């Protein structure tokens, strides 16, 4: 082999290690909250993809390589919202419609630690078609560089969704009116029913 080939081989191995195949992820809901209400989960938009900053299935990151999911970030997030909503006790498939926009999802993994940012605007449309809720929820999390990335990804999504669940305005918007003669309690505090 020539000297040029010996020089290029480590460079090819190094750069080849930076290419990333899409990750197959399954969101596992694990909130300990209880929320009462009824909702339908609609679609979510992923602004980094719409603005050309990322592919539809790519979470933006700052280090070399790409974080690619096996499906679109918007679809993954929408499914996570559905799963987490059902898990905390929200009746799914009827009632107000929850949708939103993922304004940013960034993994700042350049350096000795990782900073996660998930910025989502949630919108709820009441059964009568009027908008009854709109709020931006931003979650920032700092982790060690070599922490469990899959677990942290799910945790960041869960914590952002929990910010929604703890908002009294959201809980009022999805609350099911009590039947005559009964009472309904809507709570977003962990462990309360």
N, C-alpha and C. Protein backbone atom coordinates (compact mmCIF):
# COMPACT_ATOMS: atom_id res chain seq x y z
N UNK A 1 0.83 -1.18 0.00
CA UNK A 1 0.00 0.00 0.00
C UNK A 1 0.87 1.24 0.00
N UNK A 2 0.39 2.24 -0.65
CA UNK A 2 1.14 3.48 -0.70
C UNK A 2 0.93 4.28 0.58
N UNK A 3 1.78 5.27 0.76
CA UNK A 3 1.67 6.13 1.95
C UNK A 3 0.33 6.87 1.96
N UNK A 4 -0.12 7.25 0.78
CA UNK A 4 -1.38 7.97 0.68
C UNK A 4 -2.53 7.09 1.17
N UNK A 5 -2.52 5.82 0.83
CA UNK A 5 -3.58 4.90 1.26
C UNK A 5 -3.54 4.72 2.77
N UNK A 6 -2.35 4.63 3.36
CA UNK A 6 -2.23 4.49 4.82
C UNK A 6 -2.76 5.74 5.53
N UNK A 7 -2.55 6.88 4.93
CA UNK A 7 -3.03 8.12 5.52
C UNK A 7 -4.56 8.22 5.42
N UNK A 8 -5.12 7.83 4.30
CA UNK A 8 -6.56 7.97 4.06
C UNK A 8 -7.39 6.94 4.83
N UNK A 9 -6.83 5.77 5.10
CA UNK A 9 -7.61 4.72 5.76
C UNK A 9 -8.12 5.14 7.15
N UNK A 10 -7.29 5.69 8.05
CA UNK A 10 -7.84 6.12 9.34
C UNK A 10 -8.87 7.24 9.19
N UNK A 11 -8.65 8.11 8.22
CA UNK A 11 -9.60 9.20 7.99
C UNK A 11 -10.95 8.64 7.54
N UNK A 12 -10.93 7.61 6.69
CA UNK A 12 -12.19 7.00 6.23
C UNK A 12 -12.90 6.30 7.38
N UNK A 13 -12.16 5.62 8.24
CA UNK A 13 -12.76 4.95 9.40
C UNK A 13 -13.35 5.99 10.34
N UNK A 14 -12.63 7.06 10.58
CA UNK A 14 -13.12 8.11 11.47
C UNK A 14 -14.39 8.74 10.94
N UNK A 15 -14.40 9.12 9.67
CA UNK A 15 -15.58 9.75 9.09
C UNK A 15 -16.71 8.74 8.89
N UNK A 16 -16.41 7.51 8.63
CA UNK A 16 -17.43 6.48 8.50
C UNK A 16 -18.16 6.25 9.81
N UNK A 17 -17.48 6.43 10.91
CA UNK A 17 -18.10 6.28 12.23
C UNK A 17 -19.07 7.40 12.53
N UNK A 18 -19.02 8.48 11.78
CA UNK A 18 -19.91 9.62 12.00
C UNK A 18 -21.23 9.47 11.27
N UNK A 19 -21.30 8.58 10.30
CA UNK A 19 -22.57 8.40 9.62
C UNK A 19 -23.49 7.62 10.54
N UNK A 20 -24.76 7.95 10.46
CA UNK A 20 -25.70 7.38 11.40
C UNK A 20 -26.88 6.79 10.66
N UNK A 21 -27.19 5.55 10.99
CA UNK A 21 -28.40 4.92 10.47
C UNK A 21 -29.56 5.34 11.37
N UNK A 22 -30.77 5.41 10.83
CA UNK A 22 -31.91 5.80 11.66
C UNK A 22 -32.09 4.87 12.86
N UNK A 23 -32.38 5.48 14.03
CA UNK A 23 -32.61 4.72 15.25
C UNK A 23 -34.07 4.33 15.35
N UNK A 24 -34.32 3.09 15.70
CA UNK A 24 -35.68 2.65 15.95
C UNK A 24 -35.95 2.89 17.43
N UNK A 25 -36.88 3.82 17.70
CA UNK A 25 -37.21 4.17 19.08
C UNK A 25 -38.67 3.88 19.35
N UNK A 26 -38.94 3.40 20.53
CA UNK A 26 -40.31 3.18 20.98
C UNK A 26 -40.49 4.00 22.24
N UNK A 27 -41.41 4.94 22.20
CA UNK A 27 -41.65 5.77 23.36
C UNK A 27 -42.35 4.95 24.43
N UNK A 28 -41.83 5.02 25.64
CA UNK A 28 -42.42 4.31 26.77
C UNK A 28 -42.95 5.33 27.77
N UNK A 29 -44.28 5.50 27.84
CA UNK A 29 -44.81 6.47 28.78
C UNK A 29 -44.50 6.06 30.21
N UNK A 30 -44.15 7.04 31.05
CA UNK A 30 -43.82 6.69 32.44
C UNK A 30 -44.11 7.79 33.44
N UNK A 31 -45.03 8.70 33.09
CA UNK A 31 -45.39 9.76 34.00
C UNK A 31 -46.12 9.18 35.21
N UNK A 32 -45.89 9.78 36.37
CA UNK A 32 -46.60 9.34 37.58
C UNK A 32 -47.78 10.25 37.88
N UNK A 33 -48.11 11.13 36.96
CA UNK A 33 -49.21 12.07 37.16
C UNK A 33 -50.55 11.41 36.88
N UNK A 34 -51.60 12.07 37.35
CA UNK A 34 -52.96 11.70 37.01
C UNK A 34 -53.65 12.96 36.50
N UNK A 35 -54.23 12.87 35.33
CA UNK A 35 -54.95 14.00 34.74
C UNK A 35 -56.29 13.48 34.24
N UNK A 36 -57.36 14.19 34.57
CA UNK A 36 -58.69 13.80 34.12
C UNK A 36 -59.12 14.72 32.99
N UNK A 37 -59.73 14.15 31.99
CA UNK A 37 -60.23 14.92 30.87
C UNK A 37 -60.38 14.03 29.66
N UNK A 38 -60.65 14.66 28.53
CA UNK A 38 -60.85 13.93 27.29
C UNK A 38 -60.22 14.72 26.16
N UNK A 39 -59.50 14.04 25.28
CA UNK A 39 -58.84 14.73 24.17
C UNK A 39 -58.63 13.81 22.99
N UNK A 40 -58.41 14.44 21.86
CA UNK A 40 -57.95 13.77 20.66
C UNK A 40 -56.58 14.37 20.35
N UNK A 41 -55.64 13.56 19.93
CA UNK A 41 -54.32 14.08 19.58
C UNK A 41 -54.25 14.21 18.07
N UNK A 42 -54.04 15.44 17.64
CA UNK A 42 -53.90 15.72 16.21
C UNK A 42 -52.44 15.70 15.81
N UNK A 43 -52.14 16.37 14.74
CA UNK A 43 -50.78 16.35 14.22
C UNK A 43 -49.93 17.46 14.85
N UNK A 44 -48.63 17.24 14.78
CA UNK A 44 -47.64 18.22 15.24
C UNK A 44 -46.75 18.56 14.05
N UNK A 45 -46.34 19.81 13.98
CA UNK A 45 -45.42 20.26 12.94
C UNK A 45 -44.01 20.30 13.53
N UNK A 46 -43.02 20.01 12.70
CA UNK A 46 -41.62 20.05 13.13
C UNK A 46 -40.93 21.18 12.37
N UNK A 47 -40.80 22.33 13.01
CA UNK A 47 -40.29 23.53 12.35
C UNK A 47 -38.86 23.41 11.83
N UNK A 48 -37.91 22.76 12.54
CA UNK A 48 -36.56 22.65 11.96
C UNK A 48 -36.57 21.99 10.58
N UNK A 49 -37.45 21.03 10.35
CA UNK A 49 -37.54 20.40 9.03
C UNK A 49 -38.19 21.34 8.03
N UNK A 50 -39.25 22.03 8.45
CA UNK A 50 -39.94 22.95 7.55
C UNK A 50 -39.06 24.14 7.17
N UNK A 51 -38.13 24.52 8.05
CA UNK A 51 -37.23 25.64 7.77
C UNK A 51 -35.94 25.20 7.08
N UNK A 52 -35.80 23.90 6.80
CA UNK A 52 -34.62 23.39 6.12
C UNK A 52 -33.39 23.23 7.01
N UNK A 53 -33.57 23.29 8.34
CA UNK A 53 -32.44 23.13 9.27
C UNK A 53 -32.15 21.68 9.60
N UNK A 54 -33.11 20.79 9.32
CA UNK A 54 -32.96 19.36 9.62
C UNK A 54 -33.87 18.58 8.70
N UNK A 55 -33.61 17.29 8.61
CA UNK A 55 -34.51 16.38 7.90
C UNK A 55 -35.74 16.14 8.77
N UNK A 56 -36.86 15.71 8.20
CA UNK A 56 -38.05 15.45 9.02
C UNK A 56 -37.84 14.42 10.13
N UNK A 57 -36.88 13.52 9.95
CA UNK A 57 -36.62 12.49 10.96
C UNK A 57 -35.33 12.75 11.75
N UNK A 58 -34.84 13.97 11.72
CA UNK A 58 -33.56 14.31 12.35
C UNK A 58 -33.75 15.26 13.52
N UNK A 59 -33.16 14.91 14.66
CA UNK A 59 -33.09 15.82 15.80
C UNK A 59 -31.78 16.58 15.64
N UNK A 60 -31.87 17.89 15.64
CA UNK A 60 -30.66 18.69 15.45
C UNK A 60 -29.67 18.44 16.57
N UNK A 61 -28.39 18.38 16.21
CA UNK A 61 -27.33 18.25 17.21
C UNK A 61 -26.11 19.01 16.73
N UNK A 62 -25.18 19.26 17.67
CA UNK A 62 -24.03 20.11 17.36
C UNK A 62 -22.75 19.32 17.09
N UNK A 63 -22.66 18.08 17.52
CA UNK A 63 -21.45 17.28 17.30
C UNK A 63 -21.49 16.67 15.90
N UNK A 64 -20.41 16.03 15.55
CA UNK A 64 -20.33 15.37 14.24
C UNK A 64 -21.28 14.19 14.23
N UNK A 65 -21.93 13.98 13.11
CA UNK A 65 -22.90 12.89 12.98
C UNK A 65 -24.31 13.43 13.08
N UNK A 66 -25.27 12.58 12.78
CA UNK A 66 -26.67 12.98 12.79
C UNK A 66 -27.46 12.08 13.73
N UNK A 67 -28.47 12.64 14.35
CA UNK A 67 -29.40 11.86 15.17
C UNK A 67 -30.65 11.69 14.33
N UNK A 68 -30.79 10.50 13.74
CA UNK A 68 -31.90 10.21 12.86
C UNK A 68 -32.82 9.17 13.49
N UNK A 69 -34.12 9.41 13.42
CA UNK A 69 -35.12 8.47 13.90
C UNK A 69 -35.66 7.68 12.72
N UNK A 70 -36.26 6.54 13.01
CA UNK A 70 -36.80 5.71 11.93
C UNK A 70 -38.08 6.29 11.34
N UNK A 71 -38.68 7.29 12.02
CA UNK A 71 -39.85 7.99 11.48
C UNK A 71 -39.69 9.47 11.80
N UNK A 72 -40.56 10.28 11.27
CA UNK A 72 -40.47 11.72 11.47
C UNK A 72 -40.56 12.12 12.94
N UNK A 73 -39.83 13.17 13.30
CA UNK A 73 -39.85 13.67 14.67
C UNK A 73 -41.27 14.08 15.06
N UNK A 74 -42.00 14.72 14.16
CA UNK A 74 -43.37 15.14 14.45
C UNK A 74 -44.26 13.93 14.73
N UNK A 75 -44.13 12.87 13.95
CA UNK A 75 -44.93 11.65 14.17
C UNK A 75 -44.55 10.98 15.48
N UNK A 76 -43.25 10.92 15.76
CA UNK A 76 -42.79 10.31 17.01
C UNK A 76 -43.32 11.08 18.21
N UNK A 77 -43.26 12.41 18.13
CA UNK A 77 -43.72 13.24 19.24
C UNK A 77 -45.23 13.13 19.42
N UNK A 78 -45.97 13.16 18.33
CA UNK A 78 -47.42 13.03 18.40
C UNK A 78 -47.82 11.72 19.06
N UNK A 79 -47.14 10.64 18.70
CA UNK A 79 -47.42 9.34 19.31
C UNK A 79 -47.06 9.36 20.79
N UNK A 80 -45.97 10.02 21.15
CA UNK A 80 -45.57 10.13 22.56
C UNK A 80 -46.62 10.89 23.36
N UNK A 81 -47.16 11.98 22.79
CA UNK A 81 -48.21 12.74 23.47
C UNK A 81 -49.44 11.86 23.67
N UNK A 82 -49.82 11.11 22.64
CA UNK A 82 -50.96 10.20 22.76
C UNK A 82 -50.72 9.16 23.86
N UNK A 83 -49.56 8.51 23.81
CA UNK A 83 -49.24 7.46 24.79
C UNK A 83 -49.21 8.01 26.21
N UNK A 84 -48.57 9.16 26.38
CA UNK A 84 -48.45 9.75 27.72
C UNK A 84 -49.82 10.21 28.23
N UNK A 85 -50.64 10.78 27.34
CA UNK A 85 -51.98 11.23 27.72
C UNK A 85 -52.82 10.05 28.21
N UNK A 86 -52.82 8.99 27.46
CA UNK A 86 -53.58 7.80 27.85
C UNK A 86 -53.06 7.23 29.15
N UNK A 87 -51.74 7.24 29.32
CA UNK A 87 -51.10 6.66 30.50
C UNK A 87 -51.47 7.39 31.79
N UNK A 88 -51.65 8.73 31.70
CA UNK A 88 -51.98 9.50 32.90
C UNK A 88 -53.47 9.51 33.20
N UNK A 89 -54.28 8.94 32.31
CA UNK A 89 -55.71 8.81 32.59
C UNK A 89 -56.63 9.66 31.75
N UNK A 90 -56.11 10.35 30.77
CA UNK A 90 -56.96 11.15 29.88
C UNK A 90 -57.69 10.19 28.93
N UNK A 91 -59.00 10.40 28.79
CA UNK A 91 -59.79 9.59 27.86
C UNK A 91 -59.44 10.04 26.44
N UNK A 92 -59.06 9.09 25.61
CA UNK A 92 -58.60 9.43 24.27
C UNK A 92 -59.67 9.17 23.22
N UNK A 93 -59.65 9.97 22.15
CA UNK A 93 -60.51 9.73 21.01
C UNK A 93 -61.73 10.62 20.94
N UNK A 94 -61.98 11.41 21.96
CA UNK A 94 -63.12 12.33 21.92
C UNK A 94 -62.72 13.59 22.68
N UNK A 95 -63.54 14.61 22.55
CA UNK A 95 -63.26 15.84 23.28
C UNK A 95 -62.42 16.80 22.47
N UNK A 96 -61.76 17.71 23.18
CA UNK A 96 -60.94 18.74 22.56
C UNK A 96 -59.79 18.11 21.77
N UNK A 97 -59.33 18.84 20.75
CA UNK A 97 -58.25 18.33 19.90
C UNK A 97 -56.95 19.04 20.22
N UNK A 98 -55.94 18.26 20.60
CA UNK A 98 -54.61 18.76 20.93
C UNK A 98 -53.69 18.58 19.73
N UNK A 99 -53.04 19.66 19.33
CA UNK A 99 -52.06 19.62 18.25
C UNK A 99 -50.96 20.62 18.62
N UNK A 100 -49.99 20.78 17.75
CA UNK A 100 -48.96 21.75 18.10
C UNK A 100 -47.83 21.84 17.11
N UNK A 101 -46.83 22.59 17.54
CA UNK A 101 -45.64 22.83 16.72
C UNK A 101 -44.40 22.60 17.57
N UNK A 102 -43.51 21.77 17.07
CA UNK A 102 -42.21 21.58 17.71
C UNK A 102 -41.32 22.67 17.12
N UNK A 103 -41.11 23.71 17.92
CA UNK A 103 -40.33 24.86 17.44
C UNK A 103 -38.85 24.53 17.33
N UNK A 104 -38.35 23.73 18.26
CA UNK A 104 -36.94 23.34 18.24
C UNK A 104 -36.76 22.08 19.07
N UNK A 105 -35.88 21.23 18.60
CA UNK A 105 -35.44 20.06 19.35
C UNK A 105 -33.95 19.97 19.08
N UNK A 106 -33.16 20.33 20.09
CA UNK A 106 -31.72 20.45 19.90
C UNK A 106 -30.97 19.65 20.95
N UNK A 107 -29.98 18.90 20.50
CA UNK A 107 -29.05 18.20 21.38
C UNK A 107 -27.70 18.87 21.18
N UNK A 108 -27.29 19.67 22.16
CA UNK A 108 -25.99 20.34 22.10
C UNK A 108 -24.97 19.40 22.73
N UNK A 109 -24.42 18.52 21.90
CA UNK A 109 -23.53 17.46 22.39
C UNK A 109 -22.07 17.69 22.03
N UNK A 110 -21.72 18.91 21.73
CA UNK A 110 -20.34 19.23 21.45
C UNK A 110 -19.67 19.64 22.76
N UNK A 111 -18.72 18.87 23.20
CA UNK A 111 -18.06 19.16 24.47
C UNK A 111 -18.16 17.99 25.43
N UNK A 112 -18.03 18.29 26.73
CA UNK A 112 -17.96 17.24 27.74
C UNK A 112 -19.30 16.88 28.36
N UNK A 113 -20.35 17.60 27.98
CA UNK A 113 -21.68 17.31 28.50
C UNK A 113 -22.69 17.55 27.38
N UNK A 114 -23.95 17.27 27.67
CA UNK A 114 -25.00 17.41 26.67
C UNK A 114 -26.11 18.29 27.23
N UNK A 115 -26.50 19.29 26.45
CA UNK A 115 -27.63 20.15 26.80
C UNK A 115 -28.75 19.85 25.82
N UNK A 116 -29.90 19.48 26.36
CA UNK A 116 -31.08 19.15 25.57
C UNK A 116 -32.05 20.31 25.64
N UNK A 117 -32.65 20.67 24.51
CA UNK A 117 -33.68 21.70 24.48
C UNK A 117 -34.84 21.19 23.63
N UNK A 118 -36.04 21.23 24.21
CA UNK A 118 -37.26 20.87 23.49
C UNK A 118 -38.27 21.99 23.70
N UNK A 119 -38.61 22.67 22.62
CA UNK A 119 -39.52 23.82 22.65
C UNK A 119 -40.75 23.46 21.81
N UNK A 120 -41.92 23.37 22.48
CA UNK A 120 -43.15 22.96 21.80
C UNK A 120 -44.26 23.95 22.11
N UNK A 121 -44.99 24.36 21.09
CA UNK A 121 -46.20 25.15 21.28
C UNK A 121 -47.38 24.19 21.15
N UNK A 122 -48.17 24.10 22.22
CA UNK A 122 -49.34 23.23 22.25
C UNK A 122 -50.59 24.08 21.99
N UNK A 123 -51.49 23.55 21.18
CA UNK A 123 -52.76 24.22 20.88
C UNK A 123 -53.88 23.23 21.12
N UNK A 124 -54.96 23.69 21.75
CA UNK A 124 -56.13 22.85 21.96
C UNK A 124 -57.34 23.56 21.38
N UNK A 125 -58.06 22.85 20.53
CA UNK A 125 -59.28 23.34 19.93
C UNK A 125 -60.45 22.64 20.61
N UNK A 126 -61.38 23.42 21.14
CA UNK A 126 -62.54 22.85 21.83
C UNK A 126 -63.44 22.14 20.83
N UNK A 127 -64.36 21.36 21.35
CA UNK A 127 -65.29 20.60 20.52
C UNK A 127 -66.09 21.53 19.61
N UNK A 128 -66.39 22.74 20.07
CA UNK A 128 -67.17 23.68 19.26
C UNK A 128 -66.32 24.38 18.19
N UNK A 129 -65.02 24.07 18.11
CA UNK A 129 -64.14 24.63 17.09
C UNK A 129 -63.34 25.84 17.51
N UNK A 130 -63.61 26.37 18.69
CA UNK A 130 -62.87 27.55 19.15
C UNK A 130 -61.56 27.11 19.82
N UNK A 131 -60.56 27.97 19.73
CA UNK A 131 -59.29 27.65 20.38
C UNK A 131 -59.42 27.97 21.86
N UNK A 132 -59.18 26.96 22.70
CA UNK A 132 -59.33 27.18 24.14
C UNK A 132 -57.98 27.15 24.86
N UNK A 133 -56.89 26.85 24.15
CA UNK A 133 -55.59 26.80 24.82
C UNK A 133 -54.49 26.95 23.79
N UNK A 134 -53.48 27.73 24.11
CA UNK A 134 -52.25 27.82 23.32
C UNK A 134 -51.14 28.27 24.26
N UNK A 135 -50.08 27.48 24.33
CA UNK A 135 -48.97 27.82 25.21
C UNK A 135 -47.69 27.16 24.74
N UNK A 136 -46.60 27.87 24.92
CA UNK A 136 -45.28 27.37 24.56
C UNK A 136 -44.62 26.77 25.80
N UNK A 137 -44.14 25.54 25.69
CA UNK A 137 -43.46 24.87 26.79
C UNK A 137 -42.03 24.56 26.35
N UNK A 138 -41.06 25.09 27.09
CA UNK A 138 -39.65 24.89 26.77
C UNK A 138 -39.02 24.08 27.90
N UNK A 139 -38.38 22.99 27.54
CA UNK A 139 -37.67 22.18 28.52
C UNK A 139 -36.19 22.19 28.18
N UNK A 140 -35.37 22.44 29.18
CA UNK A 140 -33.91 22.37 29.02
C UNK A 140 -33.40 21.38 30.05
N UNK A 141 -32.51 20.50 29.62
CA UNK A 141 -31.95 19.48 30.51
C UNK A 141 -30.46 19.33 30.22
N UNK A 142 -29.69 19.21 31.28
CA UNK A 142 -28.23 19.05 31.17
C UNK A 142 -27.87 17.64 31.64
N UNK A 143 -27.12 16.90 30.83
CA UNK A 143 -26.73 15.53 31.19
C UNK A 143 -25.24 15.31 30.92
N UNK A 144 -24.74 14.22 31.47
CA UNK A 144 -23.37 13.81 31.19
C UNK A 144 -23.27 13.36 29.74
N UNK A 145 -22.09 13.42 29.20
CA UNK A 145 -21.86 13.09 27.80
C UNK A 145 -22.23 11.64 27.47
N UNK A 146 -21.90 10.74 28.35
CA UNK A 146 -22.10 9.32 28.04
C UNK A 146 -23.26 8.72 28.81
N UNK A 147 -24.28 9.51 29.06
CA UNK A 147 -25.50 9.01 29.70
C UNK A 147 -26.29 8.19 28.67
N UNK A 148 -27.31 7.50 29.13
CA UNK A 148 -28.17 6.72 28.24
C UNK A 148 -28.95 7.68 27.34
N UNK A 149 -28.54 7.80 26.10
CA UNK A 149 -29.15 8.76 25.17
C UNK A 149 -30.61 8.42 24.89
N UNK A 150 -30.95 7.14 24.74
CA UNK A 150 -32.33 6.75 24.45
C UNK A 150 -33.24 7.09 25.63
N UNK A 151 -32.78 6.77 26.83
CA UNK A 151 -33.55 7.07 28.03
C UNK A 151 -33.71 8.57 28.23
N UNK A 152 -32.65 9.32 27.97
CA UNK A 152 -32.71 10.78 28.12
C UNK A 152 -33.64 11.40 27.09
N UNK A 153 -33.62 10.89 25.88
CA UNK A 153 -34.51 11.39 24.83
C UNK A 153 -35.97 11.23 25.28
N UNK A 154 -36.33 10.04 25.77
CA UNK A 154 -37.69 9.81 26.26
C UNK A 154 -37.99 10.70 27.46
N UNK A 155 -37.03 10.90 28.35
CA UNK A 155 -37.22 11.71 29.54
C UNK A 155 -37.47 13.18 29.16
N UNK A 156 -36.74 13.69 28.20
CA UNK A 156 -36.91 15.08 27.75
C UNK A 156 -38.32 15.26 27.18
N UNK A 157 -38.76 14.33 26.38
CA UNK A 157 -40.11 14.40 25.80
C UNK A 157 -41.16 14.32 26.91
N UNK A 158 -41.00 13.38 27.83
CA UNK A 158 -41.96 13.23 28.93
C UNK A 158 -42.04 14.49 29.78
N UNK A 159 -40.90 15.06 30.13
CA UNK A 159 -40.89 16.25 30.97
C UNK A 159 -41.55 17.45 30.28
N UNK A 160 -41.38 17.55 28.97
CA UNK A 160 -42.04 18.63 28.24
C UNK A 160 -43.56 18.42 28.24
N UNK A 161 -43.99 17.20 28.02
CA UNK A 161 -45.42 16.89 28.03
C UNK A 161 -46.00 17.12 29.43
N UNK A 162 -45.25 16.79 30.47
CA UNK A 162 -45.72 17.02 31.84
C UNK A 162 -45.89 18.51 32.14
N UNK A 163 -45.09 19.36 31.50
CA UNK A 163 -45.29 20.81 31.66
C UNK A 163 -46.69 21.18 31.16
N UNK A 164 -47.12 20.54 30.08
CA UNK A 164 -48.47 20.75 29.56
C UNK A 164 -49.50 20.26 30.57
N UNK A 165 -49.32 19.05 31.07
CA UNK A 165 -50.28 18.44 31.99
C UNK A 165 -50.43 19.21 33.30
N UNK A 166 -49.39 19.94 33.72
CA UNK A 166 -49.46 20.68 34.98
C UNK A 166 -50.01 22.09 34.80
N UNK A 167 -50.33 22.46 33.58
CA UNK A 167 -50.89 23.78 33.32
C UNK A 167 -52.40 23.74 33.58
N UNK A 168 -52.88 24.45 34.60
CA UNK A 168 -54.31 24.43 34.93
C UNK A 168 -55.21 24.85 33.76
N UNK A 169 -54.74 25.75 32.91
CA UNK A 169 -55.52 26.18 31.75
C UNK A 169 -55.74 25.02 30.78
N UNK A 170 -54.72 24.19 30.58
CA UNK A 170 -54.87 23.01 29.73
C UNK A 170 -55.85 22.03 30.35
N UNK A 171 -55.71 21.78 31.63
CA UNK A 171 -56.58 20.82 32.31
C UNK A 171 -58.04 21.28 32.23
N UNK A 172 -58.29 22.58 32.41
CA UNK A 172 -59.66 23.11 32.28
C UNK A 172 -60.18 22.92 30.86
N UNK A 173 -59.30 23.09 29.88
CA UNK A 173 -59.71 23.01 28.48
C UNK A 173 -60.14 21.59 28.09
N UNK A 174 -59.50 20.57 28.64
CA UNK A 174 -59.85 19.19 28.28
C UNK A 174 -60.82 18.56 29.27
N UNK A 175 -61.19 19.30 30.32
CA UNK A 175 -62.08 18.76 31.35
C UNK A 175 -63.42 18.37 30.74
N UNK A 176 -63.92 17.26 31.20
CA UNK A 176 -65.23 16.78 30.76
C UNK A 176 -66.26 17.36 31.73
N UNK A 177 -67.28 18.05 31.21
CA UNK A 177 -68.28 18.59 32.12
C UNK A 177 -68.94 17.47 32.92
N UNK A 178 -69.15 17.70 34.21
CA UNK A 178 -69.76 16.64 35.02
C UNK A 178 -71.20 16.38 34.58
N UNK A 179 -71.59 15.12 34.67
CA UNK A 179 -72.97 14.75 34.39
C UNK A 179 -73.83 15.33 35.51
N UNK A 180 -75.08 15.54 35.25
CA UNK A 180 -75.93 16.12 36.27
C UNK A 180 -75.97 15.23 37.50
N UNK A 181 -75.77 15.85 38.65
CA UNK A 181 -75.81 15.10 39.90
C UNK A 181 -74.48 14.49 40.30
N UNK A 182 -73.41 14.64 39.49
CA UNK A 182 -72.11 14.09 39.87
C UNK A 182 -71.08 15.19 39.84
N UNK A 183 -69.93 14.93 40.40
CA UNK A 183 -68.86 15.91 40.38
C UNK A 183 -67.64 15.32 39.70
N UNK A 184 -66.85 16.18 39.08
CA UNK A 184 -65.64 15.75 38.39
C UNK A 184 -64.47 16.54 38.95
N UNK A 185 -63.38 15.86 39.23
CA UNK A 185 -62.20 16.52 39.76
C UNK A 185 -61.10 16.42 38.71
N UNK A 186 -60.53 17.55 38.34
CA UNK A 186 -59.41 17.56 37.40
C UNK A 186 -58.19 18.02 38.16
N UNK A 187 -57.17 17.18 38.21
CA UNK A 187 -55.94 17.54 38.91
C UNK A 187 -54.76 17.23 38.01
N UNK A 188 -53.71 18.01 38.16
CA UNK A 188 -52.50 17.74 37.41
C UNK A 188 -51.32 17.58 38.34
N UNK A 189 -51.59 17.33 39.61
CA UNK A 189 -50.52 17.13 40.56
C UNK A 189 -50.13 15.66 40.59
N UNK A 190 -48.81 15.38 40.60
CA UNK A 190 -48.37 14.00 40.64
C UNK A 190 -48.93 13.26 41.85
N UNK A 191 -49.45 12.07 41.60
CA UNK A 191 -49.91 11.21 42.68
C UNK A 191 -51.30 11.50 43.20
N UNK A 192 -51.96 12.56 42.73
CA UNK A 192 -53.31 12.88 43.21
C UNK A 192 -54.34 12.35 42.25
N UNK A 193 -55.43 11.85 42.79
CA UNK A 193 -56.51 11.33 41.94
C UNK A 193 -57.83 11.94 42.31
